[in-house]
């Protein structure tokens, strides 16, 4: 009798522990929908909140409890978000002039191409990227040291035994 109860309880625990793959990102099933969506690269907390509101989903619902249909809806919404423009992460794109929202690999590629373009045109930011220095006015006297090695101390003196 006791063994049968334990067997019945196990699948319920496993449901919350399973990994859910949304937008090529593995999300643990035991966390809520709101913080879980924010783990996807390119999905901020505000966009995660917008997804929950627009799709009328409970923010506290566990990711592991989502159905395949709900996961598909979330993926479709993140690919083509119907949200205010100020929530997009790429407004007035340099190449096309459009307002876009990029996620996962697309975001990485665009960022990489932007940095290459800045280096190519030798802008201040491009030069700073190439030198691996800070771009936005931070101090460099005590930080951003690239050659961190052993501190050069005084020369050790060996004692000679007589």
C-alpha atoms as a PDB file:
ATOM      1  CA  UNK A   1       0.000   0.000   0.000  1.00  0.00           C
ATOM      2  CA  UNK A   2       2.800   2.403   0.967  1.00  0.00           C
ATOM      3  CA  UNK A   3       4.813   1.603  -2.165  1.00  0.00           C
ATOM      4  CA  UNK A   4       1.814   2.287  -4.414  1.00  0.00           C
ATOM      5  CA  UNK A   5       1.367   5.762  -2.884  1.00  0.00           C
ATOM      6  CA  UNK A   6       5.042   6.601  -3.431  1.00  0.00           C
ATOM      7  CA  UNK A   7       4.808   5.494  -7.075  1.00  0.00           C
ATOM      8  CA  UNK A   8       1.778   7.724  -7.621  1.00  0.00           C
ATOM      9  CA  UNK A   9       3.519  10.737  -6.058  1.00  0.00           C
ATOM     10  CA  UNK A  10       6.711  10.447  -8.115  1.00  0.00           C
ATOM     11  CA  UNK A  11       5.319  11.572 -11.513  1.00  0.00           C
ATOM     12  CA  UNK A  12       3.890  14.746  -9.957  1.00  0.00           C
ATOM     13  CA  UNK A  13       7.336  15.660  -8.619  1.00  0.00           C
ATOM     14  CA  UNK A  14       8.968  14.858 -11.945  1.00  0.00           C
ATOM     15  CA  UNK A  15       6.513  17.127 -13.780  1.00  0.00           C
ATOM     16  CA  UNK A  16       7.876  20.188 -11.974  1.00  0.00           C
ATOM     17  CA  UNK A  17      11.506  19.089 -12.309  1.00  0.00           C
ATOM     18  CA  UNK A  18      11.576  18.544 -16.057  1.00  0.00           C
ATOM     19  CA  UNK A  19      13.520  20.840 -18.344  1.00  0.00           C
ATOM     20  CA  UNK A  20      11.457  22.862 -20.788  1.00  0.00           C
ATOM     21  CA  UNK A  21      13.047  24.078 -24.013  1.00  0.00           C
ATOM     22  CA  UNK A  22      11.775  27.449 -25.196  1.00  0.00           C
ATOM     23  CA  UNK A  23      13.573  29.343 -27.981  1.00  0.00           C
ATOM     24  CA  UNK A  24      16.551  26.921 -27.812  1.00  0.00           C
ATOM     25  CA  UNK A  25      17.043  27.631 -24.082  1.00  0.00           C
ATOM     26  CA  UNK A  26      16.646  24.975 -21.390  1.00  0.00           C
ATOM     27  CA  UNK A  27      14.623  26.285 -18.449  1.00  0.00           C
ATOM     28  CA  UNK A  28      14.208  24.274 -15.214  1.00  0.00           C
ATOM     29  CA  UNK A  29      10.580  23.304 -14.680  1.00  0.00           C
ATOM     30  CA  UNK A  30      10.499  24.121 -10.988  1.00  0.00           C
ATOM     31  CA  UNK A  31      10.667  27.924 -11.427  1.00  0.00           C
ATOM     32  CA  UNK A  32       7.790  30.234 -12.270  1.00  0.00           C
ATOM     33  CA  UNK A  33       6.835  31.435 -15.738  1.00  0.00           C
ATOM     34  CA  UNK A  34       7.787  35.077 -15.112  1.00  0.00           C
ATOM     35  CA  UNK A  35      11.399  34.495 -13.965  1.00  0.00           C
ATOM     36  CA  UNK A  36      11.777  31.492 -16.270  1.00  0.00           C
ATOM     37  CA  UNK A  37      11.128  33.454 -19.462  1.00  0.00           C
ATOM     38  CA  UNK A  38      13.664  36.072 -18.354  1.00  0.00           C
ATOM     39  CA  UNK A  39      16.369  33.375 -18.618  1.00  0.00           C
ATOM     40  CA  UNK A  40      16.048  33.393 -22.409  1.00  0.00           C
ATOM     41  CA  UNK A  41      18.717  35.608 -23.958  1.00  0.00           C
ATOM     42  CA  UNK A  42      17.041  38.742 -25.281  1.00  0.00           C
ATOM     43  CA  UNK A  43      13.940  38.422 -23.087  1.00  0.00           C
ATOM     44  CA  UNK A  44      13.986  41.016 -20.332  1.00  0.00           C
ATOM     45  CA  UNK A  45      11.870  41.057 -17.191  1.00  0.00           C
ATOM     46  CA  UNK A  46       9.552  43.612 -18.804  1.00  0.00           C
ATOM     47  CA  UNK A  47       9.081  41.476 -21.930  1.00  0.00           C
ATOM     48  CA  UNK A  48       8.494  38.421 -19.739  1.00  0.00           C
ATOM     49  CA  UNK A  49       5.796  40.384 -17.912  1.00  0.00           C
ATOM     50  CA  UNK A  50       4.265  41.466 -21.241  1.00  0.00           C
ATOM     51  CA  UNK A  51       4.151  37.834 -22.454  1.00  0.00           C
ATOM     52  CA  UNK A  52       2.306  36.770 -19.302  1.00  0.00           C
ATOM     53  CA  UNK A  53      -0.207  39.626 -19.599  1.00  0.00           C
ATOM     54  CA  UNK A  54      -0.850  39.374 -23.360  1.00  0.00           C
ATOM     55  CA  UNK A  55      -1.244  35.586 -23.331  1.00  0.00           C
ATOM     56  CA  UNK A  56      -3.289  35.727 -20.092  1.00  0.00           C
ATOM     57  CA  UNK A  57      -1.057  33.271 -18.256  1.00  0.00           C
ATOM     58  CA  UNK A  58      -0.413  33.153 -14.516  1.00  0.00           C
ATOM     59  CA  UNK A  59       3.080  34.471 -13.720  1.00  0.00           C
ATOM     60  CA  UNK A  60       3.438  32.086 -10.790  1.00  0.00           C
ATOM     61  CA  UNK A  61       2.607  28.970 -12.829  1.00  0.00           C
ATOM     62  CA  UNK A  62       5.548  26.589 -12.976  1.00  0.00           C
ATOM     63  CA  UNK A  63       7.308  26.215 -16.328  1.00  0.00           C
ATOM     64  CA  UNK A  64       7.163  22.430 -15.943  1.00  0.00           C
ATOM     65  CA  UNK A  65       3.354  22.549 -15.846  1.00  0.00           C
ATOM     66  CA  UNK A  66       3.041  24.213 -19.270  1.00  0.00           C
ATOM     67  CA  UNK A  67       1.453  22.243 -22.084  1.00  0.00           C
ATOM     68  CA  UNK A  68       3.006  21.924 -25.547  1.00  0.00           C
ATOM     69  CA  UNK A  69       0.366  24.309 -26.915  1.00  0.00           C
ATOM     70  CA  UNK A  70       1.226  26.981 -24.330  1.00  0.00           C
ATOM     71  CA  UNK A  71       4.953  26.615 -25.048  1.00  0.00           C
ATOM     72  CA  UNK A  72       4.256  27.027 -28.770  1.00  0.00           C
ATOM     73  CA  UNK A  73       2.181  30.177 -28.100  1.00  0.00           C
ATOM     74  CA  UNK A  74       4.964  31.661 -25.983  1.00  0.00           C
ATOM     75  CA  UNK A  75       7.583  30.934 -28.675  1.00  0.00           C
ATOM     76  CA  UNK A  76       5.424  32.484 -31.400  1.00  0.00           C
ATOM     77  CA  UNK A  77       4.774  35.571 -29.280  1.00  0.00           C
ATOM     78  CA  UNK A  78       8.469  36.080 -28.529  1.00  0.00           C
ATOM     79  CA  UNK A  79       9.361  35.729 -32.231  1.00  0.00           C
ATOM     80  CA  UNK A  80       6.741  38.311 -33.263  1.00  0.00           C
ATOM     81  CA  UNK A  81       5.906  40.349 -30.153  1.00  0.00           C
ATOM     82  CA  UNK A  82       2.792  42.519 -30.171  1.00  0.00           C
ATOM     83  CA  UNK A  83       4.096  44.980 -27.586  1.00  0.00           C
ATOM     84  CA  UNK A  84       4.876  48.709 -27.387  1.00  0.00           C
ATOM     85  CA  UNK A  85       7.965  49.756 -29.343  1.00  0.00           C
ATOM     86  CA  UNK A  86       9.848  50.929 -26.240  1.00  0.00           C
ATOM     87  CA  UNK A  87      10.120  47.291 -25.089  1.00  0.00           C
ATOM     88  CA  UNK A  88      11.985  46.230 -28.256  1.00  0.00           C
ATOM     89  CA  UNK A  89      15.720  45.670 -27.898  1.00  0.00           C
ATOM     90  CA  UNK A  90      16.639  46.903 -31.403  1.00  0.00           C
ATOM     91  CA  UNK A  91      14.885  50.114 -32.336  1.00  0.00           C
ATOM     92  CA  UNK A  92      15.759  51.816 -35.620  1.00  0.00           C
ATOM     93  CA  UNK A  93      18.070  49.066 -36.831  1.00  0.00           C
ATOM     94  CA  UNK A  94      21.202  50.405 -38.528  1.00  0.00           C
ATOM     95  CA  UNK A  95      20.774  48.326 -41.688  1.00  0.00           C
ATOM     96  CA  UNK A  96      17.009  48.423 -42.250  1.00  0.00           C
ATOM     97  CA  UNK A  97      15.710  51.219 -40.013  1.00  0.00           C
ATOM     98  CA  UNK A  98      13.020  48.920 -38.589  1.00  0.00           C
ATOM     99  CA  UNK A  99      12.047  48.343 -34.977  1.00  0.00           C
ATOM    100  CA  UNK A 100      12.864  44.708 -34.097  1.00  0.00           C
ATOM    101  CA  UNK A 101      13.156  42.441 -31.112  1.00  0.00           C
ATOM    102  CA  UNK A 102      15.981  39.923 -31.374  1.00  0.00           C
ATOM    103  CA  UNK A 103      16.499  36.863 -29.188  1.00  0.00           C
ATOM    104  CA  UNK A 104      19.126  34.121 -28.678  1.00  0.00           C
ATOM    105  CA  UNK A 105      21.528  33.601 -31.624  1.00  0.00           C
ATOM    106  CA  UNK A 106      20.162  36.471 -33.730  1.00  0.00           C
ATOM    107  CA  UNK A 107      20.953  38.897 -30.914  1.00  0.00           C
ATOM    108  CA  UNK A 108      24.526  37.576 -30.586  1.00  0.00           C
ATOM    109  CA  UNK A 109      25.156  37.809 -34.338  1.00  0.00           C
ATOM    110  CA  UNK A 110      23.815  41.366 -34.641  1.00  0.00           C
ATOM    111  CA  UNK A 111      25.883  42.519 -31.677  1.00  0.00           C
ATOM    112  CA  UNK A 112      29.005  40.936 -33.160  1.00  0.00           C
ATOM    113  CA  UNK A 113      28.384  42.590 -36.559  1.00  0.00           C
ATOM    114  CA  UNK A 114      27.815  45.968 -34.885  1.00  0.00           C
ATOM    115  CA  UNK A 115      31.148  45.740 -33.077  1.00  0.00           C
ATOM    116  CA  UNK A 116      32.922  44.701 -36.309  1.00  0.00           C
ATOM    117  CA  UNK A 117      31.355  47.698 -38.093  1.00  0.00           C
ATOM    118  CA  UNK A 118      32.522  50.070 -35.346  1.00  0.00           C
ATOM    119  CA  UNK A 119      36.060  48.660 -35.585  1.00  0.00           C
ATOM    120  CA  UNK A 120      36.042  48.908 -39.388  1.00  0.00           C
ATOM    121  CA  UNK A 121      35.060  52.581 -39.468  1.00  0.00           C
ATOM    122  CA  UNK A 122      37.526  53.249 -36.635  1.00  0.00           C
ATOM    123  CA  UNK A 123      35.066  55.063 -34.432  1.00  0.00           C
ATOM    124  CA  UNK A 124      36.021  55.840 -30.840  1.00  0.00           C
ATOM    125  CA  UNK A 125      33.933  52.935 -29.582  1.00  0.00           C
ATOM    126  CA  UNK A 126      35.474  50.629 -32.198  1.00  0.00           C
ATOM    127  CA  UNK A 127      38.994  51.571 -31.160  1.00  0.00           C
ATOM    128  CA  UNK A 128      38.117  51.018 -27.495  1.00  0.00           C
ATOM    129  CA  UNK A 129      36.629  47.597 -28.354  1.00  0.00           C
ATOM    130  CA  UNK A 130      39.791  46.648 -30.244  1.00  0.00           C
ATOM    131  CA  UNK A 131      41.985  47.711 -27.300  1.00  0.00           C
ATOM    132  CA  UNK A 132      39.697  45.873 -24.828  1.00  0.00           C
ATOM    133  CA  UNK A 133      39.203  49.094 -22.889  1.00  0.00           C
ATOM    134  CA  UNK A 134      35.965  50.477 -21.425  1.00  0.00           C
ATOM    135  CA  UNK A 135      33.759  52.400 -23.837  1.00  0.00           C
ATOM    136  CA  UNK A 136      31.678  54.581 -21.592  1.00  0.00           C
ATOM    137  CA  UNK A 137      34.052  56.753 -19.600  1.00  0.00           C
ATOM    138  CA  UNK A 138      34.988  54.459 -16.724  1.00  0.00           C
ATOM    139  CA  UNK A 139      38.336  55.019 -15.066  1.00  0.00           C
ATOM    140  CA  UNK A 140      41.195  52.809 -16.233  1.00  0.00           C
ATOM    141  CA  UNK A 141      43.894  53.500 -13.679  1.00  0.00           C
ATOM    142  CA  UNK A 142      42.949  50.687 -11.367  1.00  0.00           C
ATOM    143  CA  UNK A 143      40.639  48.539 -13.489  1.00  0.00           C
ATOM    144  CA  UNK A 144      40.647  46.916 -16.914  1.00  0.00           C
ATOM    145  CA  UNK A 145      44.186  45.641 -16.477  1.00  0.00           C
ATOM    146  CA  UNK A 146      44.808  42.986 -19.103  1.00  0.00           C
ATOM    147  CA  UNK A 147      48.304  41.832 -18.095  1.00  0.00           C
ATOM    148  CA  UNK A 148      47.543  40.586 -14.635  1.00  0.00           C
ATOM    149  CA  UNK A 149      50.520  38.582 -13.607  1.00  0.00           C
ATOM    150  CA  UNK A 150      52.672  38.013 -10.635  1.00  0.00           C
ATOM    151  CA  UNK A 151      53.560  41.302  -9.000  1.00  0.00           C
ATOM    152  CA  UNK A 152      57.179  42.253  -9.578  1.00  0.00           C
ATOM    153  CA  UNK A 153      58.690  42.205  -6.120  1.00  0.00           C
ATOM    154  CA  UNK A 154      62.227  42.674  -4.936  1.00  0.00           C
ATOM    155  CA  UNK A 155      64.884  40.173  -5.877  1.00  0.00           C
ATOM    156  CA  UNK A 156      65.304  37.365  -3.344  1.00  0.00           C
ATOM    157  CA  UNK A 157      68.694  37.218  -1.738  1.00  0.00           C
ATOM    158  CA  UNK A 158      70.153  33.766  -1.238  1.00  0.00           C
ATOM    159  CA  UNK A 159      72.191  33.142   1.862  1.00  0.00           C
ATOM    160  CA  UNK A 160      75.451  31.389   1.328  1.00  0.00           C
ATOM    161  CA  UNK A 161      76.423  28.868   3.984  1.00  0.00           C
ATOM    162  CA  UNK A 162      79.976  28.833   5.154  1.00  0.00           C
END
